[in-house]
Amino acid sequence: MDRQLLLGQTLAFTADPFADGPAAARHSARGAVLLDGGQIAEVGEADALRAAHPDVPVTDHGQGLILPGFVDAHMHYPQTGIVASWGKRLIDWLNGYTFPEEMKLADPAYAAEVAERTLDLAIAHGTTTLLSYCTIHPASVEAFFTAAEARGMRVAAGRTCMDRDTAPEGLRDTAQSAYDESKALLETWHGRGRATYAITPRFSPTSTEAQLEALGALWAEHPDCLMQTHLSEQTDEIDWVLGMYPDCEDYLATYEKHGLIGERAVFGHAIHLTERERARLVETGAGLAHCPTSNTFIGSGLFDLAGLQAAGARIGLATDTGGGSNFSMLRTMGAAYEIAQLRGTALHPSQLLWLATEGSARLLHQEGIGRLAPGAEADLIVLDLASTPAIAQRATRAGDIWEALFPTIMMGDDRAVAATYVAGRRLKG
């Protein structure tokens, strides 16, 4: 439908709740969203919008809460099949699960199968945009963007580059092939429909300086692309990096040296940062993807969300599938709350929701998503705030929208997502 009117509860942010608190959000117990040609045309009260648009088809979601679709700022679609695998530390997990699975995506048919499954799972869980790593195989990138294009999804992704012998032979490239194949994929997909290309060195331990230099040069030639990589996930990883780069004072310096830092950079994890690294990340406007389920599942550490927010860092939220143990951004919000509690901060539901929507969208430099506002793209979800008996009995005691929403953040899963709309098309529910 070109024009349609969705009715339900609505919750929209007018400011950043980390700065303005819960008052940054506007809630309507009986609101409406007018969609027109894949965009949000109006947001307001149900009675007023129905009266103003009497001929527009109506979908009434009752007490369902209409929100922007979730934005996952760091994940690995090739690892969908190995999510929630038992493991020890990061390096063990990579060698035991990740690298063997990623080799399978050399088969274009298998890559397409995994891409389709990943995006279907994302939609089922209310995630409408993902920033994903692919594998070194160009077909894996083609598969992801093709599957997203078929669904009309706004996504970002890139060919993962690794040329050190720390990666297995079946997943190694060269500095030149990384540059050439990334450039060819970039020229095909970047800006095509709703696709954004992300230049993707996996991380410094799997790339030589020559490869990092080549990818830094490619990014300089195409500065409107994203650049994604990993940073300071585990302490033994940091020791590993510093042993490989003895002339660099810290982990971040291995990227800085080759031009791989800037406001369109998205660094996953960033748990164990030095004071210099924190200052440089803030100074350059680089984005940090907080991956709480992964950070606990693999035993990496506790991200300093409050401290980095106070310093002015740009932060979004991410599942880190399959290092992360769940496809759900609701569960990811719940884990972010728990980690913040362990660090002495009680995050408000408004802050958690903002991180999973507009906060992550800002990391991806996508102003058109993550917002419930006129002019935004119509990527929306509808949450059932009583999706299970346990959640329902708690929600009946709620005194306001935040008390009603918080049990779904802490206990909800794909059953809580009653509907998912992508560019105005209803793909779930």
Protein backbone atom coordinates (compact mmCIF):
# COMPACT_ATOMS: atom_id res chain seq x y z
CA MET A 1 0.00 0.00 0.00
CA ASP A 2 1.36 3.42 -0.91
CA ARG A 3 -0.52 5.11 1.95
CA GLN A 4 -1.61 3.42 5.15
CA LEU A 5 -2.39 4.39 8.70
CA LEU A 6 -1.06 2.34 11.61
CA LEU A 7 -2.79 2.68 14.97
CA GLY A 8 -1.46 1.70 18.40
CA GLN A 9 0.65 3.16 21.15
CA THR A 10 3.53 5.25 19.85
CA LEU A 11 6.87 6.20 21.39
CA ALA A 12 9.11 8.71 19.65
CA PHE A 13 12.31 10.46 20.71
CA THR A 14 12.71 14.20 20.27
CA ALA A 15 16.19 14.27 21.86
CA ASP A 16 18.91 12.02 23.24
CA PRO A 17 17.77 10.49 26.56
CA PHE A 18 21.38 10.25 27.75
CA ALA A 19 21.33 14.06 27.75
CA ASP A 20 17.68 14.84 28.48
CA GLY A 21 16.46 11.76 30.34
CA PRO A 22 13.09 10.05 29.76
CA ALA A 23 11.55 13.42 28.83
CA ALA A 24 13.37 13.04 25.50
CA ALA A 25 10.61 10.60 24.47
CA ARG A 26 6.99 11.35 23.62
CA HIS A 27 4.44 8.59 24.30
CA SER A 28 0.89 8.37 23.04
CA ALA A 29 -1.44 5.75 24.48
CA ARG A 30 -3.52 5.94 21.30
CA GLY A 31 -1.33 7.19 18.52
CA ALA A 32 -1.02 6.76 14.78
CA VAL A 33 1.63 6.71 12.08
CA LEU A 34 0.81 7.63 8.50
CA LEU A 35 2.97 5.84 5.94
CA ASP A 36 3.33 7.11 2.40
CA GLY A 37 5.52 5.48 -0.25
CA GLY A 38 7.91 3.82 2.17
CA GLN A 39 8.28 6.86 4.41
CA ILE A 40 6.66 8.19 7.54
CA ALA A 41 4.46 11.12 6.57
CA GLU A 42 2.93 11.99 9.93
CA VAL A 43 2.96 10.88 13.56
CA GLY A 44 0.18 11.99 15.86
CA GLU A 45 -2.93 11.08 17.79
CA ALA A 46 -5.11 8.37 16.29
CA ASP A 47 -8.37 10.32 16.26
CA ALA A 48 -6.78 13.37 14.63
CA LEU A 49 -4.98 11.43 11.88
CA ARG A 50 -8.03 9.28 11.12
CA ALA A 51 -10.14 12.41 10.76
CA ALA A 52 -7.52 14.07 8.54
CA HIS A 53 -7.13 11.00 6.30
CA PRO A 54 -10.54 9.30 6.20
CA ASP A 55 -9.85 7.38 2.98
CA VAL A 56 -6.51 5.86 3.95
CA PRO A 57 -6.53 2.12 4.81
CA VAL A 58 -6.12 1.50 8.54
CA THR A 59 -4.28 -1.25 10.41
CA ASP A 60 -5.15 -1.18 14.09
CA HIS A 61 -2.50 -2.77 16.30
CA GLY A 62 -4.54 -2.19 19.45
CA GLN A 63 -2.27 -1.81 22.47
CA GLY A 64 0.81 -2.73 20.42
CA LEU A 65 3.69 -0.27 20.79
CA ILE A 66 4.83 1.17 17.45
CA LEU A 67 8.57 1.89 17.37
CA PRO A 68 11.37 2.32 14.83
CA GLY A 69 12.87 -0.98 13.72
CA PHE A 70 15.95 -2.08 15.62
CA VAL A 71 19.38 -1.30 14.15
CA ASP A 72 22.13 -3.88 14.80
CA ALA A 73 25.46 -2.03 14.57
CA HIS A 74 27.85 -5.01 14.49
CA MET A 75 27.20 -8.62 13.48
CA HIS A 76 28.61 -11.47 11.38
CA TYR A 77 25.96 -13.01 9.17
CA PRO A 78 28.26 -15.91 8.14
CA GLN A 79 28.21 -17.04 11.79
CA THR A 80 24.43 -17.46 12.02
CA GLY A 81 24.73 -21.24 11.94
CA ILE A 82 27.17 -21.37 14.86
CA VAL A 83 25.44 -18.95 17.23
CA ALA A 84 25.46 -20.11 20.88
CA SER A 85 28.37 -22.52 20.42
CA TRP A 86 30.29 -23.51 23.54
CA GLY A 87 33.73 -21.96 23.67
CA LYS A 88 36.57 -20.68 25.82
CA ARG A 89 38.31 -17.47 24.74
CA LEU A 90 38.12 -15.42 21.56
CA ILE A 91 41.00 -17.10 19.72
CA ASP A 92 39.71 -20.58 20.58
CA TRP A 93 36.25 -19.60 19.39
CA LEU A 94 37.58 -18.22 16.09
CA ASN A 95 39.67 -21.29 15.35
CA GLY A 96 37.12 -23.82 16.57
CA TYR A 97 33.92 -22.41 15.11
CA THR A 98 34.20 -19.17 13.17
CA PHE A 99 36.90 -19.90 10.61
CA PRO A 100 35.64 -23.40 9.67
CA GLU A 101 32.12 -22.05 9.17
CA GLU A 102 33.26 -19.03 7.17
CA MET A 103 35.17 -21.29 4.76
CA LYS A 104 31.85 -22.84 3.77
CA LEU A 105 30.70 -19.53 2.30
CA ALA A 106 33.08 -20.04 -0.61
CA ASP A 107 30.03 -21.89 -2.00
CA PRO A 108 27.70 -19.17 -3.40
CA ALA A 109 24.62 -21.33 -2.84
CA TYR A 110 25.49 -21.84 0.82
CA ALA A 111 26.25 -18.12 1.25
CA ALA A 112 22.84 -17.28 -0.22
CA GLU A 113 21.13 -19.77 2.09
CA VAL A 114 22.79 -18.29 5.19
CA ALA A 115 22.07 -14.71 4.09
CA GLU A 116 18.38 -15.50 3.57
CA ARG A 117 18.14 -17.22 6.95
CA THR A 118 19.93 -14.38 8.73
CA LEU A 119 17.68 -11.67 7.37
CA ASP A 120 14.54 -13.68 8.02
CA LEU A 121 15.65 -14.13 11.64
CA ALA A 122 16.44 -10.42 11.90
CA ILE A 123 12.97 -9.46 10.68
CA ALA A 124 11.36 -11.98 13.02
CA HIS A 125 13.18 -10.30 15.94
CA GLY A 126 12.32 -6.76 14.82
CA THR A 127 15.73 -5.85 13.39
CA THR A 128 15.32 -3.94 10.15
CA THR A 129 18.92 -2.78 9.58
CA LEU A 130 22.23 -4.60 10.15
CA LEU A 131 25.90 -3.74 9.75
CA SER A 132 27.48 -7.08 8.92
CA TYR A 133 30.84 -8.63 8.22
CA CYS A 134 30.86 -11.07 5.31
CA THR A 135 33.78 -13.42 4.47
CA ILE A 136 36.73 -13.00 2.11
CA HIS A 137 34.59 -14.49 -0.67
CA PRO A 138 32.98 -11.87 -2.92
CA ALA A 139 30.00 -14.20 -3.33
CA SER A 140 29.28 -13.84 0.39
CA VAL A 141 28.94 -10.08 -0.04
CA GLU A 142 26.79 -10.49 -3.14
CA ALA A 143 24.56 -12.94 -1.27
CA PHE A 144 23.97 -10.59 1.67
CA PHE A 145 23.22 -7.50 -0.39
CA THR A 146 21.03 -9.47 -2.80
CA ALA A 147 18.95 -10.94 0.03
CA ALA A 148 18.57 -7.51 1.64
CA GLU A 149 17.60 -5.92 -1.68
CA ALA A 150 14.87 -8.52 -2.19
CA ARG A 151 13.39 -7.54 1.18
CA GLY A 152 13.89 -3.79 0.69
CA MET A 153 16.13 -3.60 3.77
CA ARG A 154 18.62 -0.86 4.51
CA VAL A 155 21.86 -2.66 5.33
CA ALA A 156 25.62 -2.15 5.40
CA ALA A 157 28.26 -4.83 4.89
CA GLY A 158 31.66 -5.57 3.44
CA ARG A 159 34.12 -8.24 2.39
CA THR A 160 36.17 -9.31 5.42
CA CYS A 161 39.90 -9.00 4.69
CA MET A 162 42.63 -11.20 6.26
CA ASP A 163 46.11 -11.77 4.83
CA ARG A 164 48.18 -12.92 7.85
CA ASP A 165 48.91 -16.58 8.53
CA THR A 166 46.99 -16.16 11.78
CA ALA A 167 43.97 -16.89 9.58
CA PRO A 168 43.67 -20.33 7.95
CA GLU A 169 44.76 -20.74 4.37
CA GLY A 170 41.20 -21.05 3.11
CA LEU A 171 40.37 -17.60 4.44
CA ARG A 172 43.50 -15.68 3.51
CA ASP A 173 43.83 -13.10 0.77
CA THR A 174 46.53 -10.53 -0.03
CA ALA A 175 46.81 -6.80 0.38
CA GLN A 176 46.21 -6.36 -3.34
CA SER A 177 43.26 -8.75 -3.62
CA ALA A 178 41.67 -7.18 -0.56
CA TYR A 179 41.90 -3.77 -2.20
CA ASP A 180 40.80 -4.93 -5.66
CA GLU A 181 37.89 -7.11 -4.62
CA SER A 182 36.64 -4.66 -1.98
CA LYS A 183 36.76 -1.87 -4.56
CA ALA A 184 34.83 -3.91 -7.12
CA LEU A 185 32.14 -4.78 -4.59
CA LEU A 186 31.99 -1.21 -3.36
CA GLU A 187 31.49 0.07 -6.90
CA THR A 188 28.68 -2.43 -7.46
CA TRP A 189 26.76 -2.05 -4.21
CA HIS A 190 27.55 1.20 -2.38
CA GLY A 191 24.55 3.48 -2.73
CA ARG A 192 22.54 0.94 -4.73
CA GLY A 193 19.02 1.06 -3.36
CA ARG A 194 19.34 0.90 0.42
CA ALA A 195 22.85 -0.59 0.54
CA THR A 196 25.96 0.92 2.12
CA TYR A 197 29.42 -0.58 1.72
CA ALA A 198 31.70 -1.00 4.72
CA ILE A 199 35.44 -1.46 4.20
CA THR A 200 36.23 -4.38 6.49
CA PRO A 201 39.62 -5.43 7.86
CA ARG A 202 38.65 -8.12 10.37
CA PHE A 203 41.15 -6.86 12.93
CA SER A 204 44.84 -6.10 13.20
CA PRO A 205 45.91 -9.64 14.19
CA THR A 206 44.70 -11.01 10.83
CA SER A 207 45.89 -8.18 8.58
CA THR A 208 49.44 -7.23 7.69
CA GLU A 209 50.46 -3.61 7.69
CA ALA A 210 50.44 -3.75 3.90
CA GLN A 211 46.78 -4.78 3.92
CA LEU A 212 45.78 -2.15 6.47
CA GLU A 213 47.60 0.42 4.34
CA ALA A 214 45.74 -0.71 1.21
CA LEU A 215 42.36 -0.58 2.94
CA GLY A 216 43.15 2.82 4.42
CA ALA A 217 43.92 4.04 0.91
CA LEU A 218 40.64 2.60 -0.39
CA TRP A 219 38.70 4.34 2.36
CA ALA A 220 40.45 7.63 1.59
CA GLU A 221 39.32 7.23 -2.02
CA HIS A 222 35.72 6.50 -0.90
CA PRO A 223 35.25 8.44 2.35
CA ASP A 224 31.45 8.16 2.23
CA CYS A 225 31.74 4.42 2.93
CA LEU A 226 31.82 3.00 6.43
CA MET A 227 34.87 1.24 7.86
CA GLN A 228 34.29 -1.51 10.40
CA THR A 229 36.69 -3.57 12.48
CA HIS A 230 37.30 -4.89 16.01
CA LEU A 231 39.09 -3.16 18.86
CA SER A 232 40.21 -4.23 22.35
CA GLU A 233 37.77 -7.07 22.86
CA GLN A 234 39.93 -9.19 25.19
CA THR A 235 43.09 -8.55 27.19
CA ASP A 236 45.01 -11.45 25.63
CA GLU A 237 43.99 -10.17 22.20
CA ILE A 238 45.54 -6.80 23.05
CA ASP A 239 48.78 -8.48 24.11
CA TRP A 240 48.73 -10.41 20.83
CA VAL A 241 48.32 -7.18 18.83
CA LEU A 242 51.06 -5.31 20.66
CA GLY A 243 53.43 -8.19 20.04
CA MET A 244 52.75 -7.93 16.31
CA TYR A 245 53.00 -4.12 16.21
CA PRO A 246 55.87 -3.24 18.59
CA ASP A 247 56.13 0.28 17.20
CA CYS A 248 52.50 1.09 18.13
CA GLU A 249 51.74 2.39 21.61
CA ASP A 250 48.31 0.75 21.77
CA TYR A 251 45.76 -1.23 19.76
CA LEU A 252 44.03 1.78 18.22
CA ALA A 253 47.36 3.06 16.92
CA THR A 254 47.58 0.04 14.59
CA TYR A 255 44.56 1.43 12.75
CA GLU A 256 45.45 5.11 13.06
CA LYS A 257 48.82 4.47 11.46
CA HIS A 258 47.07 3.44 8.25
CA GLY A 259 44.26 6.00 8.15
CA LEU A 260 41.63 3.65 9.57
CA ILE A 261 39.98 6.01 12.03
CA GLY A 262 37.36 8.69 11.54
CA GLU A 263 33.72 9.55 12.04
CA ARG A 264 32.55 6.79 9.67
CA ALA A 265 34.54 4.13 11.51
CA VAL A 266 32.64 1.60 13.61
CA PHE A 267 34.76 -0.27 16.15
CA GLY A 268 33.24 -3.37 17.69
CA HIS A 269 33.66 -4.02 21.46
CA ALA A 270 36.22 -1.38 22.63
CA ILE A 271 36.18 -2.74 26.17
CA HIS A 272 39.76 -2.43 27.41
CA LEU A 273 40.74 1.03 26.20
CA THR A 274 43.65 3.18 27.32
CA GLU A 275 43.03 6.81 28.19
CA ARG A 276 44.72 7.83 24.94
CA GLU A 277 42.48 5.54 22.92
CA ARG A 278 39.34 6.87 24.61
CA ALA A 279 40.38 10.44 23.89
CA ARG A 280 41.21 9.74 20.24
CA LEU A 281 37.95 7.88 19.62
CA VAL A 282 35.99 10.83 20.97
CA GLU A 283 38.15 13.39 19.15
CA THR A 284 37.73 11.70 15.75
CA GLY A 285 34.01 10.98 16.19
CA ALA A 286 34.48 7.25 15.65
CA GLY A 287 31.56 4.99 16.50
CA LEU A 288 31.64 2.22 19.12
CA ALA A 289 29.38 -0.82 18.83
CA HIS A 290 28.52 -2.17 22.28
CA CYS A 291 28.11 -5.97 22.06
CA PRO A 292 26.93 -6.99 25.54
CA THR A 293 25.76 -10.57 24.93
CA SER A 294 29.02 -11.37 23.15
CA ASN A 295 31.14 -9.65 25.79
CA THR A 296 29.66 -11.85 28.50
CA PHE A 297 29.28 -15.04 26.44
CA ILE A 298 32.97 -15.13 25.43
CA GLY A 299 34.12 -13.66 28.74
CA SER A 300 35.58 -10.48 27.27
CA GLY A 301 34.75 -7.90 29.91
CA LEU A 302 32.39 -5.09 30.88
CA PHE A 303 32.03 -2.19 28.44
CA ASP A 304 32.20 1.24 30.11
CA LEU A 305 29.04 2.69 28.62
CA ALA A 306 28.52 5.40 31.24
CA GLY A 307 32.12 6.58 31.18
CA LEU A 308 32.35 6.67 27.40
CA GLN A 309 28.97 8.42 27.09
CA ALA A 310 30.09 11.04 29.59
CA ALA A 311 33.27 11.57 27.56
CA GLY A 312 31.23 12.19 24.42
CA ALA A 313 31.73 8.91 22.58
CA ARG A 314 29.27 7.85 19.89
CA ILE A 315 27.77 4.49 20.88
CA GLY A 316 25.29 2.04 19.38
CA LEU A 317 24.11 -1.43 20.28
CA ALA A 318 24.84 -4.73 18.54
CA THR A 319 24.19 -8.47 18.79
CA ASP A 320 27.61 -9.52 17.43
CA THR A 321 25.97 -12.68 16.07
CA GLY A 322 27.40 -15.35 16.28
CA GLY A 323 29.89 -14.39 19.05
CA GLY A 324 26.81 -12.89 20.59
CA SER A 325 24.46 -15.56 21.87
CA ASN A 326 21.13 -14.19 20.66
CA PHE A 327 19.59 -12.65 17.53
CA SER A 328 17.30 -10.44 19.62
CA MET A 329 17.99 -6.77 20.15
CA LEU A 330 15.58 -6.97 23.10
CA ARG A 331 17.88 -9.51 24.74
CA THR A 332 20.83 -7.32 23.78
CA MET A 333 19.25 -4.36 25.55
CA GLY A 334 18.67 -6.55 28.58
CA ALA A 335 22.32 -7.60 28.61
CA ALA A 336 23.43 -3.97 28.25
CA TYR A 337 21.34 -3.15 31.32
CA GLU A 338 22.93 -5.97 33.30
CA ILE A 339 26.48 -4.99 32.36
CA ALA A 340 25.80 -1.36 33.28
CA GLN A 341 24.47 -2.53 36.65
CA LEU A 342 27.73 -4.39 37.28
CA ARG A 343 29.56 -1.13 36.57
CA GLY A 344 27.33 0.85 38.94
CA THR A 345 24.90 2.46 36.47
CA ALA A 346 21.17 1.73 36.10
CA LEU A 347 20.31 2.47 32.48
CA HIS A 348 16.79 3.77 31.93
CA PRO A 349 14.58 1.94 29.41
CA SER A 350 14.55 5.08 27.27
CA GLN A 351 18.34 4.94 27.00
CA LEU A 352 18.35 1.26 26.08
CA LEU A 353 15.72 1.75 23.41
CA TRP A 354 17.51 4.77 21.97
CA LEU A 355 20.78 2.83 21.71
CA ALA A 356 19.02 0.08 19.76
CA THR A 357 17.39 2.49 17.32
CA GLU A 358 18.60 6.05 16.74
CA GLY A 359 21.92 5.56 18.52
CA SER A 360 22.90 2.69 16.24
CA ALA A 361 21.51 4.49 13.19
CA ARG A 362 23.80 7.43 13.94
CA LEU A 363 26.79 5.09 14.03
CA LEU A 364 25.87 3.98 10.51
CA HIS A 365 25.33 7.62 9.43
CA GLN A 366 21.77 6.76 8.46
CA GLU A 367 19.65 9.74 9.40
CA GLY A 368 16.60 8.24 7.69
CA ILE A 369 16.18 5.29 10.04
CA GLY A 370 15.90 4.66 13.77
CA ARG A 371 13.35 7.44 14.24
CA LEU A 372 9.56 7.62 14.47
CA ALA A 373 9.23 11.01 12.82
CA PRO A 374 7.95 12.58 9.59
CA GLY A 375 10.46 12.13 6.78
CA ALA A 376 12.03 9.01 8.26
CA GLU A 377 11.99 5.76 6.33
CA ALA A 378 9.12 3.46 7.27
CA ASP A 379 11.11 0.72 8.99
CA LEU A 380 8.90 0.00 11.98
CA ILE A 381 8.03 -2.67 14.49
CA VAL A 382 5.07 -3.26 16.77
CA LEU A 383 5.82 -4.70 20.20
CA ASP A 384 3.32 -6.77 22.15
CA LEU A 385 3.96 -5.72 25.74
CA ALA A 386 2.16 -8.82 27.05
CA SER A 387 3.67 -11.47 24.76
CA THR A 388 4.09 -14.16 27.43
CA PRO A 389 2.27 -14.84 30.70
CA ALA A 390 5.34 -13.83 32.73
CA ILE A 391 5.66 -10.51 30.91
CA ALA A 392 1.90 -9.89 30.92
CA GLN A 393 1.51 -10.32 34.68
CA ARG A 394 4.32 -7.82 35.30
CA ALA A 395 3.07 -5.32 32.72
CA THR A 396 -0.37 -5.16 34.38
CA ARG A 397 1.29 -3.48 37.35
CA ALA A 398 2.93 -0.77 35.24
CA GLY A 399 2.39 2.81 36.26
CA ASP A 400 3.75 4.32 33.03
CA ILE A 401 5.03 3.30 29.59
CA TRP A 402 8.54 2.65 30.89
CA GLU A 403 7.33 0.18 33.52
CA ALA A 404 5.23 -1.46 30.81
CA LEU A 405 8.14 -1.68 28.36
CA PHE A 406 10.95 -2.75 30.69
CA PRO A 407 9.68 -6.33 31.29
CA THR A 408 9.68 -6.88 27.52
CA ILE A 409 13.25 -5.57 27.29
CA MET A 410 14.36 -7.97 30.03
CA MET A 411 12.24 -11.04 29.17
CA GLY A 412 11.08 -10.55 25.59
CA ASP A 413 12.09 -12.36 22.42
CA ASP A 414 10.72 -12.72 18.89
CA ARG A 415 7.26 -13.49 20.33
CA ALA A 416 7.12 -9.86 21.50
CA VAL A 417 7.50 -8.59 17.92
CA ALA A 418 3.92 -8.58 16.65
CA ALA A 419 4.76 -6.93 13.32
CA THR A 420 7.76 -5.75 11.33
CA TYR A 421 7.51 -3.22 8.51
CA VAL A 422 10.37 -2.62 6.08
CA ALA A 423 10.08 0.46 3.85
CA GLY A 424 6.35 0.39 4.59
CA ARG A 425 5.85 -3.28 3.68
CA ARG A 426 4.67 -5.63 6.39
CA LEU A 427 7.12 -8.54 6.44
CA LYS A 428 6.03 -10.08 9.75
CA GLY A 429 2.71 -10.33 11.52
